[in-house]
Amino acid sequence: MSERSELRLEVAPGVVRAAWLPLPPSGKAAGKQLDKEQPNLFSLNVPVWQAGRKQEVVRCLALSPAEVYALLQGRLTGGLAALDLLPTDAELREGTADKGHKDDGETAKLVRTRLAEEPMLALSLRGFGKGELLEGIFALWAEPEDEAAEAEGGNPATVGTGVLAAELARLERKGPAVSSGEWLAEAAAEGSLHQPGPQFHEIAARPFPASPVVAPVSEGWEELLPNTPKARQGLTLIVQRVAQAAARRAGKEGKPQR
């Protein structure tokens, strides 16, 4: 087989055709589809997935967004690799070579390798297109957790929002709560809307002292600033000056403006 050739695959649901095609000269693009008149070196039929297996694949991928991302990037990882996506050894042995071409099993192995490198192509071989797959995954992600649990046969009250849903149902049985608009309307009709609560009168204005008393600093600043004598006295003076400035400002703001 020439070094200037490549294995080209043409995939349809349930069947894959493979042929070694010569690479075009430099500057020319190779055709993307096999010529129907060109002999195929190898063809393989595999069973397509039924609806149950497709749902299993969708649930498996929906639980792992990272695996979905890897699949879209062309990497086959995680649980999808264990779901017989690629042709099995028994299926590969059923592959047939065209007359005049001898296949010793190497082409079949190369076909499986190419499908592993392009998992979306392998899904198409199983009859599971990219659009159908993503639609199923997004639909499952959009379902509420309680509905997803029911679909799995579980108890929706034990997962996610099940407890909250049960509590809301219990409150609905008690009757609807009074809305804030109704409460305000009733309070206004009774004339009690403007009346403050009983604790309102406990609040009294406390004037800022004209000469605030500042406790001297008692922390051991000498240990923190050994080279600064009278650090404690200096900090006490700063606190006193700040308190006096605050008292003067409070006195100015408290005076009525003319």
Protein backbone atom coordinates (compact mmCIF):
# COMPACT_ATOMS: atom_id res chain seq x y z
CA MET A 1 0.00 0.00 0.00
CA SER A 2 1.48 3.31 -1.02
CA GLU A 3 2.60 5.82 1.56
CA ARG A 4 0.75 8.44 -0.45
CA SER A 5 -2.67 6.99 0.34
CA GLU A 6 -5.13 7.28 3.20
CA LEU A 7 -8.04 5.30 4.56
CA ARG A 8 -11.27 7.10 3.77
CA LEU A 9 -14.53 6.20 5.54
CA GLU A 10 -18.09 6.72 4.43
CA VAL A 11 -20.56 6.15 7.25
CA ALA A 12 -24.31 5.65 7.20
CA PRO A 13 -26.52 4.28 9.98
CA GLY A 14 -25.56 0.61 10.31
CA VAL A 15 -22.91 0.49 7.59
CA VAL A 16 -19.41 1.82 7.00
CA ARG A 17 -17.42 1.63 3.79
CA ALA A 18 -13.65 2.01 3.79
CA ALA A 19 -11.20 2.40 0.94
CA TRP A 20 -7.59 3.33 0.53
CA LEU A 21 -7.47 6.40 -1.66
CA PRO A 22 -4.33 7.98 -3.11
CA LEU A 23 -3.52 11.37 -1.70
CA PRO A 24 -3.85 14.22 -4.21
CA PRO A 25 -0.81 16.16 -5.34
CA SER A 26 0.23 19.13 -3.25
CA GLY A 27 -2.17 22.06 -3.55
CA LYS A 28 -5.21 19.94 -4.43
CA ALA A 29 -7.91 18.98 -1.97
CA ALA A 30 -9.01 15.38 -1.60
CA GLY A 31 -12.63 14.44 -2.15
CA LYS A 32 -14.65 13.96 1.00
CA GLN A 33 -16.88 11.17 -0.34
CA LEU A 34 -16.07 7.85 -1.90
CA ASP A 35 -16.74 7.44 -5.58
CA LYS A 36 -19.51 4.91 -6.09
CA GLU A 37 -17.67 3.47 -9.08
CA GLN A 38 -14.47 3.04 -7.11
CA PRO A 39 -14.14 -0.42 -5.51
CA ASN A 40 -14.39 -0.55 -1.72
CA LEU A 41 -11.70 -2.48 0.03
CA PHE A 42 -13.80 -3.11 3.11
CA SER A 43 -17.41 -2.80 4.23
CA LEU A 44 -18.92 -3.47 7.63
CA ASN A 45 -22.49 -3.76 8.86
CA VAL A 46 -23.26 -3.15 12.53
CA PRO A 47 -26.59 -3.08 14.39
CA VAL A 48 -27.97 0.38 15.07
CA TRP A 49 -28.97 1.34 18.58
CA GLN A 50 -32.57 1.03 19.62
CA ALA A 51 -34.42 3.73 21.58
CA GLY A 52 -33.61 2.14 24.94
CA ARG A 53 -29.86 2.15 24.32
CA LYS A 54 -30.02 5.74 23.06
CA GLN A 55 -31.77 6.82 26.27
CA GLU A 56 -29.09 5.03 28.28
CA VAL A 57 -26.37 6.91 26.42
CA VAL A 58 -28.16 10.23 26.91
CA ARG A 59 -28.51 9.65 30.66
CA CYS A 60 -24.87 8.62 30.92
CA LEU A 61 -23.64 11.75 29.16
CA ALA A 62 -26.08 14.06 30.96
CA LEU A 63 -24.43 13.11 34.26
CA SER A 64 -21.01 14.20 32.99
CA PRO A 65 -20.85 17.57 31.18
CA ALA A 66 -17.08 17.13 30.93
CA GLU A 67 -17.59 13.96 28.91
CA VAL A 68 -20.02 15.78 26.61
CA TYR A 69 -17.38 18.46 26.03
CA ALA A 70 -14.73 15.82 25.34
CA LEU A 71 -17.05 14.09 22.89
CA LEU A 72 -17.62 17.32 20.98
CA GLN A 73 -13.86 17.82 20.89
CA GLY A 74 -13.40 14.39 19.31
CA ARG A 75 -12.32 12.45 22.41
CA LEU A 76 -13.96 9.22 23.55
CA THR A 77 -13.78 8.97 27.35
CA GLY A 78 -15.74 7.81 30.38
CA GLY A 79 -18.86 5.71 30.34
CA LEU A 80 -19.56 6.11 26.63
CA ALA A 81 -16.49 4.04 25.83
CA ALA A 82 -17.98 1.14 27.81
CA LEU A 83 -21.32 1.14 25.96
CA ASP A 84 -20.10 -0.73 22.86
CA LEU A 85 -19.99 2.37 20.74
CA LEU A 86 -17.15 1.04 18.61
CA PRO A 87 -17.54 -2.14 16.55
CA THR A 88 -16.76 -5.21 18.64
CA ASP A 89 -14.30 -7.91 17.59
CA ALA A 90 -17.19 -10.14 16.58
CA GLU A 91 -18.69 -7.38 14.43
CA LEU A 92 -15.32 -6.67 12.81
CA ARG A 93 -14.97 -10.32 11.84
CA GLU A 94 -18.22 -9.96 9.89
CA GLY A 95 -16.67 -7.29 7.69
CA THR A 96 -16.22 -8.16 4.04
CA ALA A 97 -13.62 -7.18 1.47
CA ASP A 98 -14.43 -6.64 -2.17
CA LYS A 99 -13.44 -9.20 -4.74
CA GLY A 100 -9.84 -8.93 -5.72
CA HIS A 101 -8.82 -7.45 -2.36
CA LYS A 102 -7.49 -9.54 0.47
CA ASP A 103 -8.11 -8.34 4.01
CA ASP A 104 -6.05 -9.84 6.81
CA GLY A 105 -7.88 -7.98 9.57
CA GLU A 106 -5.67 -4.90 9.52
CA THR A 107 -8.19 -2.78 7.65
CA ALA A 108 -10.90 -3.68 10.17
CA LYS A 109 -8.65 -2.64 13.04
CA LEU A 110 -7.82 0.62 11.28
CA VAL A 111 -11.53 1.30 10.78
CA ARG A 112 -12.15 0.89 14.50
CA THR A 113 -9.16 3.14 15.28
CA ARG A 114 -10.51 5.86 13.00
CA LEU A 115 -13.95 5.61 14.62
CA ALA A 116 -12.35 5.93 18.06
CA GLU A 117 -10.63 9.10 16.86
CA GLU A 118 -13.94 10.45 15.55
CA PRO A 119 -16.58 9.37 18.12
CA MET A 120 -19.33 11.44 16.51
CA LEU A 121 -18.78 9.39 13.35
CA ALA A 122 -19.08 6.22 15.44
CA LEU A 123 -22.37 7.51 16.87
CA SER A 124 -23.66 8.11 13.35
CA LEU A 125 -22.74 4.51 12.53
CA ARG A 126 -24.95 3.41 15.42
CA GLY A 127 -27.79 5.53 14.06
CA PHE A 128 -27.41 8.26 16.67
CA GLY A 129 -26.83 11.63 15.02
CA LYS A 130 -25.21 14.60 16.72
CA GLY A 131 -28.38 16.69 16.66
CA GLU A 132 -30.51 13.94 18.19
CA LEU A 133 -27.91 13.28 20.88
CA LEU A 134 -27.52 16.92 21.96
CA GLU A 135 -31.27 17.48 21.89
CA GLY A 136 -31.76 14.57 24.28
CA ILE A 137 -29.01 15.77 26.64
CA PHE A 138 -30.27 19.36 26.75
CA ALA A 139 -33.84 18.16 27.31
CA LEU A 140 -32.69 16.05 30.25
CA TRP A 141 -30.73 18.95 31.71
CA ALA A 142 -33.82 21.16 31.46
CA GLU A 143 -36.01 18.76 33.44
CA PRO A 144 -36.65 19.57 37.12
CA GLU A 145 -34.85 17.26 39.50
CA ASP A 146 -38.06 15.70 40.83
CA GLU A 147 -39.22 14.81 37.29
CA ALA A 148 -35.81 13.34 36.52
CA ALA A 149 -36.03 11.23 39.68
CA GLU A 150 -39.45 9.93 38.69
CA ALA A 151 -38.06 9.02 35.27
CA GLU A 152 -35.33 7.04 37.03
CA GLY A 153 -37.90 5.32 39.27
CA GLY A 154 -36.84 7.13 42.43
CA ASN A 155 -38.73 9.14 45.01
CA PRO A 156 -38.79 12.85 44.06
CA ALA A 157 -39.14 13.84 47.72
CA THR A 158 -35.66 12.49 48.43
CA VAL A 159 -33.69 14.48 45.89
CA GLY A 160 -33.07 18.08 45.00
CA THR A 161 -36.14 20.20 45.38
CA GLY A 162 -38.37 17.37 46.58
CA VAL A 163 -38.42 18.57 50.19
CA LEU A 164 -39.20 22.12 49.11
CA ALA A 165 -41.99 20.91 46.83
CA ALA A 166 -43.53 18.92 49.69
CA GLU A 167 -43.38 21.94 51.99
CA LEU A 168 -45.03 24.15 49.38
CA ALA A 169 -47.78 21.59 48.92
CA ARG A 170 -48.36 21.54 52.67
CA LEU A 171 -48.66 25.31 52.76
CA GLU A 172 -51.12 25.26 49.87
CA ARG A 173 -53.35 22.90 51.83
CA LYS A 174 -53.43 25.42 54.65
CA GLY A 175 -54.75 28.06 52.32
CA PRO A 176 -53.20 31.01 50.52
CA ALA A 177 -51.27 33.53 52.58
CA VAL A 178 -52.43 37.13 52.85
CA SER A 179 -50.61 39.23 50.30
CA SER A 180 -48.72 42.35 51.34
CA GLY A 181 -51.15 44.49 49.33
CA GLU A 182 -54.15 43.14 51.23
CA TRP A 183 -52.37 43.67 54.55
CA LEU A 184 -51.58 47.30 53.72
CA ALA A 185 -55.17 47.93 52.59
CA GLU A 186 -56.58 46.55 55.84
CA ALA A 187 -54.12 48.56 57.95
CA ALA A 188 -55.01 51.77 56.10
CA ALA A 189 -58.74 51.11 56.56
CA GLU A 190 -58.25 50.65 60.31
CA GLY A 191 -56.20 53.83 60.57
CA SER A 192 -53.26 51.97 62.03
CA LEU A 193 -50.96 52.28 59.07
CA HIS A 194 -49.26 55.39 60.49
CA GLN A 195 -49.00 54.11 64.05
CA PRO A 196 -45.52 52.93 65.02
CA GLY A 197 -44.94 49.70 66.87
CA PRO A 198 -44.56 49.50 70.66
CA GLN A 199 -40.76 49.42 70.48
CA PHE A 200 -40.62 52.66 68.51
CA HIS A 201 -40.90 54.77 71.68
CA GLU A 202 -37.94 52.98 73.24
CA ILE A 203 -35.67 54.72 70.76
CA ALA A 204 -34.45 58.05 72.07
CA ALA A 205 -32.01 60.52 70.64
CA ARG A 206 -28.73 60.53 72.49
CA PRO A 207 -26.77 63.75 72.03
CA PHE A 208 -23.08 63.46 71.31
CA PRO A 209 -21.10 64.52 74.42
CA ALA A 210 -19.47 67.91 74.12
CA SER A 211 -16.33 66.69 75.89
CA PRO A 212 -16.03 63.00 75.10
CA VAL A 213 -14.13 60.92 77.61
CA VAL A 214 -11.52 58.75 75.97
CA ALA A 215 -9.98 55.89 77.88
CA PRO A 216 -6.20 55.81 77.71
CA VAL A 217 -4.62 53.24 75.46
CA SER A 218 -3.71 50.17 77.47
CA GLU A 219 -2.20 47.89 74.82
CA GLY A 220 1.49 47.15 74.95
CA TRP A 221 2.65 49.33 72.09
CA GLU A 222 6.17 49.49 73.51
CA GLU A 223 6.72 45.87 72.52
CA LEU A 224 5.51 46.54 68.98
CA LEU A 225 7.44 49.82 68.63
CA PRO A 226 10.50 49.43 70.86
CA ASN A 227 12.33 52.29 69.15
CA THR A 228 9.44 54.74 69.57
CA PRO A 229 9.30 56.25 73.06
CA LYS A 230 5.90 57.21 74.48
CA ALA A 231 4.06 55.38 71.70
CA ARG A 232 1.14 54.70 74.04
CA GLN A 233 0.79 58.36 75.02
CA GLY A 234 0.95 59.43 71.38
CA LEU A 235 -1.81 57.03 70.36
CA THR A 236 -3.97 58.21 73.27
CA LEU A 237 -3.54 61.80 72.12
CA ILE A 238 -4.55 60.87 68.58
CA VAL A 239 -7.73 59.17 69.82
CA GLN A 240 -8.61 62.22 71.95
CA ARG A 241 -8.12 64.61 69.04
CA VAL A 242 -10.32 62.46 66.77
CA ALA A 243 -13.05 62.32 69.43
CA GLN A 244 -12.96 66.09 69.90
CA ALA A 245 -13.18 66.65 66.13
CA ALA A 246 -16.16 64.31 65.97
CA ALA A 247 -17.87 66.21 68.81
CA ARG A 248 -17.39 69.53 67.05
CA ARG A 249 -18.77 68.15 63.82
CA ALA A 250 -21.77 66.62 65.59
CA GLY A 251 -22.47 69.96 67.28
CA LYS A 252 -22.46 71.80 63.96
CA GLU A 253 -24.77 69.29 62.29
CA GLY A 254 -27.16 69.35 65.24
CA LYS A 255 -27.74 73.11 65.09
CA PRO A 256 -30.83 74.19 63.16
CA GLN A 257 -30.08 76.01 59.95
CA ARG A 258 -31.45 79.51 59.51
